[in-house]
Amino acid sequence: MRRLFAPRVDLPQGACDGRLHGDALRARIRPQSSPNIKLDLDDRPQKSPRACVIASDPPGVVHLITRAQGGLHDYQSFLHEAGHALHYGGVDAALPMPFRRLSRDHALTEIYSYIVEAITREPGWHARYFGLSDAQAAENAEATVFLETLLFRRYEAKLRYELRFWADFGDDGGTPTGYEEYLTEATGILYASPNYLSDMDGGFYSADYLRAWIRSAQLRQHLIATVGEEWWRTPATGELLAELFAEGTRPSSEQIATRIGYDPLDTAPLLHELGV
């Protein structure tokens, strides 16, 4: 979906090692500076364009894999997965294996992926790395906010459908009832009923995404308040995030929210971020 709606910004060869790791990441969150994070950015035939992270043996071996397709989507995907890679690559090696590798709360690592991806919503980043005017940079940043709003609405509708699916499963064995209606109404995009099973993530991951969206917005607001508007290129941000990454998967996302002074279900920062 990001590829369909993201504004067109070409990704030159090697840009992930340049634009993404220059001043924009002076916040000391640089995957290329971490030898334990193995970057696979090559363009190979039949390589999947979907970016992903494979935390084989964190923090020692973490793979970040992506394939550039062109457009701002490439930057969003890379930074999103970089958040996961930095989290697992920054885990304290002394932690027991379950706290280094196993997630009891997927929302936790998604907080970190969203906060790193949030760099693309900063007009200053667009102006600095794409040579855009202030007006153009603001327009590009606004487009990423629009897409985040669309995705949030999509996942809220997905969760509603999945809750209904499983609530009725004992009686009807699972049907697409509500899938097309909920998602089409939420996004304005036609979702066909026959696709209901292929669009269902295991373990209510849709809820994890929604929780992470809320708490990532809280974390971003916390960074702006404590570090400043240019949190995305300030070393203090990296220091704060490094402390969080070191804890691995031990804390819950709710504990992170409480630690930075928020009620875990306080949606005000997210609503502000999305312009609601």
Protein backbone atom coordinates (compact mmCIF):
# COMPACT_ATOMS: atom_id res chain seq x y z
CA MET A 1 0.00 0.00 0.00
CA ARG A 2 2.89 2.38 0.71
CA ARG A 3 4.13 1.80 -2.83
CA LEU A 4 0.73 2.72 -4.26
CA PHE A 5 0.35 6.00 -2.41
CA ALA A 6 3.86 7.28 -1.66
CA PRO A 7 5.03 10.36 -3.60
CA ARG A 8 7.58 9.64 -6.31
CA VAL A 9 11.16 10.08 -5.12
CA ASP A 10 13.75 7.96 -6.89
CA LEU A 11 16.20 5.97 -4.78
CA PRO A 12 19.65 6.13 -6.38
CA GLN A 13 22.04 3.20 -6.06
CA GLY A 14 23.68 3.35 -2.63
CA ALA A 15 21.27 5.94 -1.25
CA CYS A 16 20.45 3.78 1.76
CA ASP A 17 24.08 4.08 2.82
CA GLY A 18 24.22 7.79 2.07
CA ARG A 19 21.09 9.83 2.60
CA LEU A 20 19.75 7.55 5.30
CA HIS A 21 23.00 7.53 7.25
CA GLY A 22 24.10 11.13 7.04
CA ASP A 23 22.95 13.94 9.29
CA ALA A 24 19.46 12.44 9.42
CA LEU A 25 20.86 9.65 11.55
CA ARG A 26 23.31 11.62 13.64
CA ALA A 27 20.96 10.45 16.33
CA ARG A 28 23.45 7.55 16.52
CA ILE A 29 21.03 5.05 15.09
CA ARG A 30 23.08 3.88 12.12
CA PRO A 31 22.68 0.28 10.95
CA GLN A 32 25.81 0.52 8.77
CA SER A 33 27.88 1.40 11.85
CA SER A 34 26.84 -1.84 13.56
CA PRO A 35 28.85 -4.76 12.15
CA ASN A 36 26.43 -7.21 13.73
CA ILE A 37 23.64 -5.87 11.46
CA LYS A 38 24.10 -7.45 8.05
CA LEU A 39 22.67 -5.24 5.31
CA ASP A 40 21.45 -6.97 2.15
CA LEU A 41 20.50 -4.10 -0.16
CA ASP A 42 21.49 -5.73 -3.46
CA ASP A 43 19.12 -5.96 -6.41
CA ARG A 44 18.97 -9.62 -7.46
CA PRO A 45 16.57 -11.45 -9.79
CA GLN A 46 13.64 -12.99 -7.91
CA LYS A 47 14.58 -11.23 -4.67
CA SER A 48 11.43 -10.20 -2.85
CA PRO A 49 10.87 -6.42 -2.76
CA ARG A 50 9.36 -6.71 0.71
CA ALA A 51 11.79 -5.46 3.32
CA CYS A 52 12.30 -7.64 6.36
CA VAL A 53 14.55 -8.30 9.34
CA ILE A 54 15.76 -11.73 10.40
CA ALA A 55 17.14 -11.67 13.92
CA SER A 56 19.13 -14.91 13.69
CA ASP A 57 21.10 -14.57 16.91
CA PRO A 58 20.65 -11.12 18.43
CA PRO A 59 22.61 -9.08 19.09
CA GLY A 60 25.39 -10.91 17.26
CA VAL A 61 23.70 -11.61 13.92
CA VAL A 62 20.79 -9.57 12.61
CA HIS A 63 19.93 -9.39 8.90
CA LEU A 64 18.17 -6.43 7.27
CA ILE A 65 17.01 -7.28 3.74
CA THR A 66 15.39 -4.98 1.21
CA ARG A 67 15.22 -4.37 -2.53
CA ALA A 68 14.77 -0.86 -3.87
CA GLN A 69 11.76 -0.35 -6.13
CA GLY A 70 11.89 3.43 -6.48
CA GLY A 71 9.96 6.07 -4.61
CA LEU A 72 9.72 7.28 -1.06
CA HIS A 73 8.38 3.85 -0.21
CA ASP A 74 11.96 2.53 -0.31
CA TYR A 75 13.05 4.94 2.40
CA GLN A 76 10.00 4.26 4.55
CA SER A 77 10.45 0.50 4.29
CA PHE A 78 14.18 0.63 4.97
CA LEU A 79 13.81 2.88 8.00
CA HIS A 80 10.90 0.83 9.35
CA GLU A 81 12.96 -2.36 9.19
CA ALA A 82 16.03 -0.49 10.45
CA GLY A 83 14.07 0.15 13.64
CA HIS A 84 13.68 -3.60 14.12
CA ALA A 85 17.32 -4.26 13.23
CA LEU A 86 18.61 -1.62 15.62
CA HIS A 87 16.40 -2.98 18.39
CA TYR A 88 17.62 -6.56 18.05
CA GLY A 89 21.15 -5.50 17.19
CA GLY A 90 21.28 -3.30 20.29
CA VAL A 91 20.10 -5.95 22.76
CA ASP A 92 22.31 -6.53 25.78
CA ALA A 93 24.19 -9.75 24.98
CA ALA A 94 24.07 -10.74 28.66
CA LEU A 95 20.28 -11.12 28.60
CA PRO A 96 18.83 -14.64 28.56
CA MET A 97 17.91 -15.87 25.08
CA PRO A 98 14.15 -15.34 25.49
CA PHE A 99 14.70 -11.63 26.18
CA ARG A 100 17.08 -11.33 23.24
CA ARG A 101 15.10 -13.15 20.59
CA LEU A 102 11.52 -14.03 21.58
CA SER A 103 8.72 -11.48 21.53
CA ARG A 104 5.95 -11.75 24.05
CA ASP A 105 4.73 -8.37 22.84
CA HIS A 106 5.23 -7.61 19.14
CA ALA A 107 4.03 -4.06 19.77
CA LEU A 108 7.33 -3.38 21.56
CA THR A 109 9.60 -3.81 18.54
CA GLU A 110 7.01 -2.13 16.30
CA ILE A 111 7.32 0.99 18.48
CA TYR A 112 10.97 1.18 17.48
CA SER A 113 10.29 0.50 13.81
CA TYR A 114 7.68 3.26 13.72
CA ILE A 115 9.84 5.80 15.52
CA VAL A 116 12.71 5.32 13.08
CA GLU A 117 10.34 5.39 10.10
CA ALA A 118 8.88 8.64 11.51
CA ILE A 119 12.00 10.39 10.18
CA THR A 120 10.22 10.38 6.79
CA ARG A 121 7.47 12.55 8.26
CA GLU A 122 9.94 15.33 9.04
CA PRO A 123 9.91 18.10 6.37
CA GLY A 124 13.50 18.97 7.28
CA TRP A 125 14.63 15.49 6.25
CA HIS A 126 12.97 15.82 2.85
CA ALA A 127 14.46 19.27 2.27
CA ARG A 128 17.93 18.21 3.34
CA TYR A 129 18.26 14.96 1.42
CA PHE A 130 16.20 15.54 -1.71
CA GLY A 131 17.01 19.18 -2.42
CA LEU A 132 13.35 20.18 -2.12
CA SER A 133 11.98 23.60 -1.38
CA ASP A 134 10.35 24.06 2.00
CA ALA A 135 6.93 23.86 0.36
CA GLN A 136 7.77 20.67 -1.51
CA ALA A 137 9.32 19.11 1.57
CA ALA A 138 6.22 19.89 3.60
CA GLU A 139 4.05 18.35 0.88
CA ASN A 140 6.08 15.14 0.82
CA ALA A 141 6.01 14.89 4.61
CA GLU A 142 2.26 15.49 4.59
CA ALA A 143 1.85 12.66 2.08
CA THR A 144 3.53 10.25 4.48
CA VAL A 145 1.18 11.38 7.26
CA PHE A 146 -1.79 10.74 4.95
CA LEU A 147 -0.52 7.23 4.28
CA GLU A 148 -0.02 6.53 7.99
CA THR A 149 -3.60 7.64 8.62
CA LEU A 150 -4.85 5.34 5.89
CA LEU A 151 -2.87 2.40 7.26
CA PHE A 152 -4.05 3.05 10.81
CA ARG A 153 -7.68 3.03 9.62
CA ARG A 154 -7.02 -0.18 7.67
CA TYR A 155 -5.60 -1.99 10.70
CA GLU A 156 -8.36 -0.76 12.98
CA ALA A 157 -10.88 -2.24 10.52
CA LYS A 158 -8.84 -5.45 10.27
CA LEU A 159 -8.93 -5.85 14.04
CA ARG A 160 -12.67 -5.29 14.16
CA TYR A 161 -13.16 -7.94 11.51
CA GLU A 162 -10.82 -10.44 13.16
CA LEU A 163 -12.53 -10.02 16.53
CA ARG A 164 -15.88 -10.70 14.86
CA PHE A 165 -14.41 -13.65 12.91
CA TRP A 166 -13.17 -15.41 16.03
CA ALA A 167 -16.18 -14.51 18.15
CA ASP A 168 -18.41 -16.30 15.62
CA PHE A 169 -15.97 -19.06 14.70
CA GLY A 170 -17.51 -21.63 17.04
CA ASP A 171 -20.89 -21.19 15.36
CA ASP A 172 -20.06 -20.69 11.68
CA GLY A 173 -16.49 -21.98 11.30
CA GLY A 174 -15.24 -18.60 10.09
CA THR A 175 -16.69 -16.53 7.27
CA PRO A 176 -15.77 -13.34 5.36
CA THR A 177 -18.79 -11.54 6.77
CA GLY A 178 -17.78 -7.97 7.58
CA TYR A 179 -14.36 -8.08 5.90
CA GLU A 180 -15.25 -6.24 2.69
CA GLU A 181 -17.63 -3.89 4.49
CA TYR A 182 -15.28 -2.86 7.31
CA LEU A 183 -12.10 -2.38 5.30
CA THR A 184 -13.69 -0.70 2.30
CA GLU A 185 -15.54 1.75 4.53
CA ALA A 186 -12.42 2.51 6.56
CA THR A 187 -10.07 3.10 3.63
CA GLY A 188 -12.18 4.01 0.61
CA ILE A 189 -10.43 1.15 -1.23
CA LEU A 190 -12.39 -1.89 -2.37
CA TYR A 191 -11.44 -5.01 -0.43
CA ALA A 192 -12.91 -8.18 -1.93
CA SER A 193 -14.40 -10.79 0.41
CA PRO A 194 -12.53 -13.78 -1.13
CA ASN A 195 -9.25 -12.32 0.17
CA TYR A 196 -10.26 -12.39 3.82
CA LEU A 197 -8.04 -15.29 4.86
CA SER A 198 -4.88 -14.13 3.07
CA ASP A 199 -5.24 -10.74 4.77
CA MET A 200 -5.46 -12.16 8.27
CA ASP A 201 -2.33 -12.05 10.42
CA GLY A 202 -1.74 -14.58 13.15
CA GLY A 203 -1.98 -13.78 16.82
CA PHE A 204 -3.94 -10.54 16.37
CA TYR A 205 -0.83 -8.81 15.02
CA SER A 206 -3.18 -6.07 13.83
CA ALA A 207 -3.73 -5.17 17.49
CA ASP A 208 0.03 -5.08 18.05
CA TYR A 209 0.42 -2.64 15.17
CA LEU A 210 -2.31 -0.39 16.59
CA ARG A 211 -0.79 -0.43 20.07
CA ALA A 212 2.61 0.36 18.60
CA TRP A 213 1.23 3.28 16.59
CA ILE A 214 -0.19 4.80 19.78
CA ARG A 215 3.02 4.34 21.78
CA SER A 216 5.35 5.37 18.99
CA ALA A 217 3.51 8.69 18.79
CA GLN A 218 3.92 9.01 22.57
CA LEU A 219 7.65 8.32 22.23
CA ARG A 220 8.01 10.86 19.41
CA GLN A 221 6.24 13.51 21.49
CA HIS A 222 8.50 12.64 24.41
CA LEU A 223 11.59 13.04 22.20
CA ILE A 224 10.38 16.41 20.90
CA ALA A 225 9.78 17.59 24.46
CA THR A 226 13.10 16.35 25.84
CA VAL A 227 15.46 16.51 22.85
CA GLY A 228 13.85 19.08 20.57
CA GLU A 229 12.14 19.42 17.19
CA GLU A 230 15.20 18.02 15.44
CA TRP A 231 15.10 14.84 17.50
CA TRP A 232 15.64 12.87 14.30
CA ARG A 233 19.20 14.18 13.86
CA THR A 234 20.27 14.71 17.47
CA PRO A 235 22.72 12.39 19.31
CA ALA A 236 20.63 12.45 22.48
CA THR A 237 17.90 10.54 20.64
CA GLY A 238 20.29 7.72 19.85
CA GLU A 239 21.42 7.55 23.46
CA LEU A 240 17.84 7.31 24.72
CA LEU A 241 16.87 4.70 22.15
CA ALA A 242 20.03 2.67 22.79
CA GLU A 243 18.99 2.32 26.43
CA LEU A 244 15.60 1.00 25.33
CA PHE A 245 17.06 -1.35 22.73
CA ALA A 246 19.42 -2.85 25.33
CA GLU A 247 16.45 -4.21 27.28
CA GLY A 248 15.57 -6.52 24.42
CA THR A 249 12.06 -7.89 24.60
CA ARG A 250 11.84 -7.85 28.41
CA PRO A 251 9.47 -4.85 28.84
CA SER A 252 5.97 -4.64 27.43
CA SER A 253 4.93 -1.74 25.21
CA GLU A 254 2.66 -0.60 28.04
CA GLN A 255 5.65 -0.38 30.38
CA ILE A 256 7.51 1.80 27.88
CA ALA A 257 4.53 4.18 27.71
CA THR A 258 4.30 4.40 31.49
CA ARG A 259 8.03 4.96 31.79
CA ILE A 260 7.94 8.08 29.59
CA GLY A 261 4.93 9.46 31.45
CA TYR A 262 1.93 8.36 29.37
CA ASP A 263 -1.16 6.31 29.93
CA PRO A 264 -0.63 3.40 27.50
CA LEU A 265 -4.03 4.05 25.89
CA ASP A 266 -3.58 7.82 25.56
CA THR A 267 -4.24 8.40 21.87
CA ALA A 268 -3.84 12.21 22.01
CA PRO A 269 -0.24 12.18 20.66
CA LEU A 270 -1.25 9.94 17.74
CA LEU A 271 -4.31 12.03 16.91
CA HIS A 272 -2.13 15.14 16.96
CA GLU A 273 0.44 13.47 14.72
CA LEU A 274 -2.22 12.43 12.21
CA GLY A 275 -3.81 15.88 12.24
CA VAL A 276 -7.13 14.71 13.69
